Amino acid sequence: MKDLQKVIDSSTRRVLKKEDVKSTDKVLSIIDPSVACIVKGGREAIFGYKPQLGRSKNGFISALIVPEGNAADSGQLDAMIEQQISNTQVQPTIISTDDGYANTAVRNKWLLKDVKAFSISGSKGKRLTPEEEWDSEIYREARNNRSAVESLMFCIKFSFNFGRNMRRGIENVRNEMMEKVLAYNFSRMVKIRRRQLLAT
C-alpha cells in the first residue's frame, strides 16, 4: 500500500503537474525495492545495480563492491582500493582507472602511500596528472593496461552472466554477484595453471 501511494503521488506530480520527479521519489520496482535507475551518457536508462570490480595484475577479480542506488564511481574508488588490499594483503604499486573514477583527494592519498603511479585515463585524468607524469613510461603503460579491465568486464558479463541477476534485493544480488566472481576466479586459476604447465 505504501508503494502504491508513492506511485500515485509521483505519477500525479509527473503527469498532471508536469514536475520532474527524482528517481528516489519513484517506485522503480515492486519486486526489488533496492534497484536503481542508471543513466550513463547518451545510453538508454537501465534499472539495476552498479557493481564495482577491482582487477589484479594476473587478471583475478580482487575486489567487488555493489553500492546502493546509482552511486558515482568516483565515490567508490577509495573503498575499492581498501577492499583490494584487505582481500589480497598486497598494496598495489600501480593503480589504473578510467575517467569516471577521477578523484583528486583519493589519488593524492594513495600517492603518499608509496603507490608509484595512479593513472586516471581520459580528459579528467589528464587534468589531474602533472604533464611529466602523464607522459612518463609508467603512466603510458598504466593507461594501455586499461584494455585488460575492459576484457575482464566483457568476459564476466557474457561468460558468467554477470550483467543479469536472478535474485532480488541488494543483499541477495551482492551474494549472487560474489558467486559469479568466485566462478570467474576459479576459471582464471585453471587457465593460469594450464599455462604454467605448458611452459615447463
Foldseek 3Di string as FASTA:
>chain_A
DVLVVLQVVVCCCCPVVVDDDDQVSHQPDPQFSQWEWEDDDPDDIDIGWDKDFDADPLGATQFIDIDTYHDQLLVCVLVRQVSSCVRPVDRAQEAEEEQSNDDLVSLVVVVVVNNPYYAYDDDSRVVSDPPVRCPDPVRVVSHVCVVSVVVSVVCLCPVLVLVDDPDHYDVVNVVSNVVSSVVVNVVSVVVVVVVVVVVD
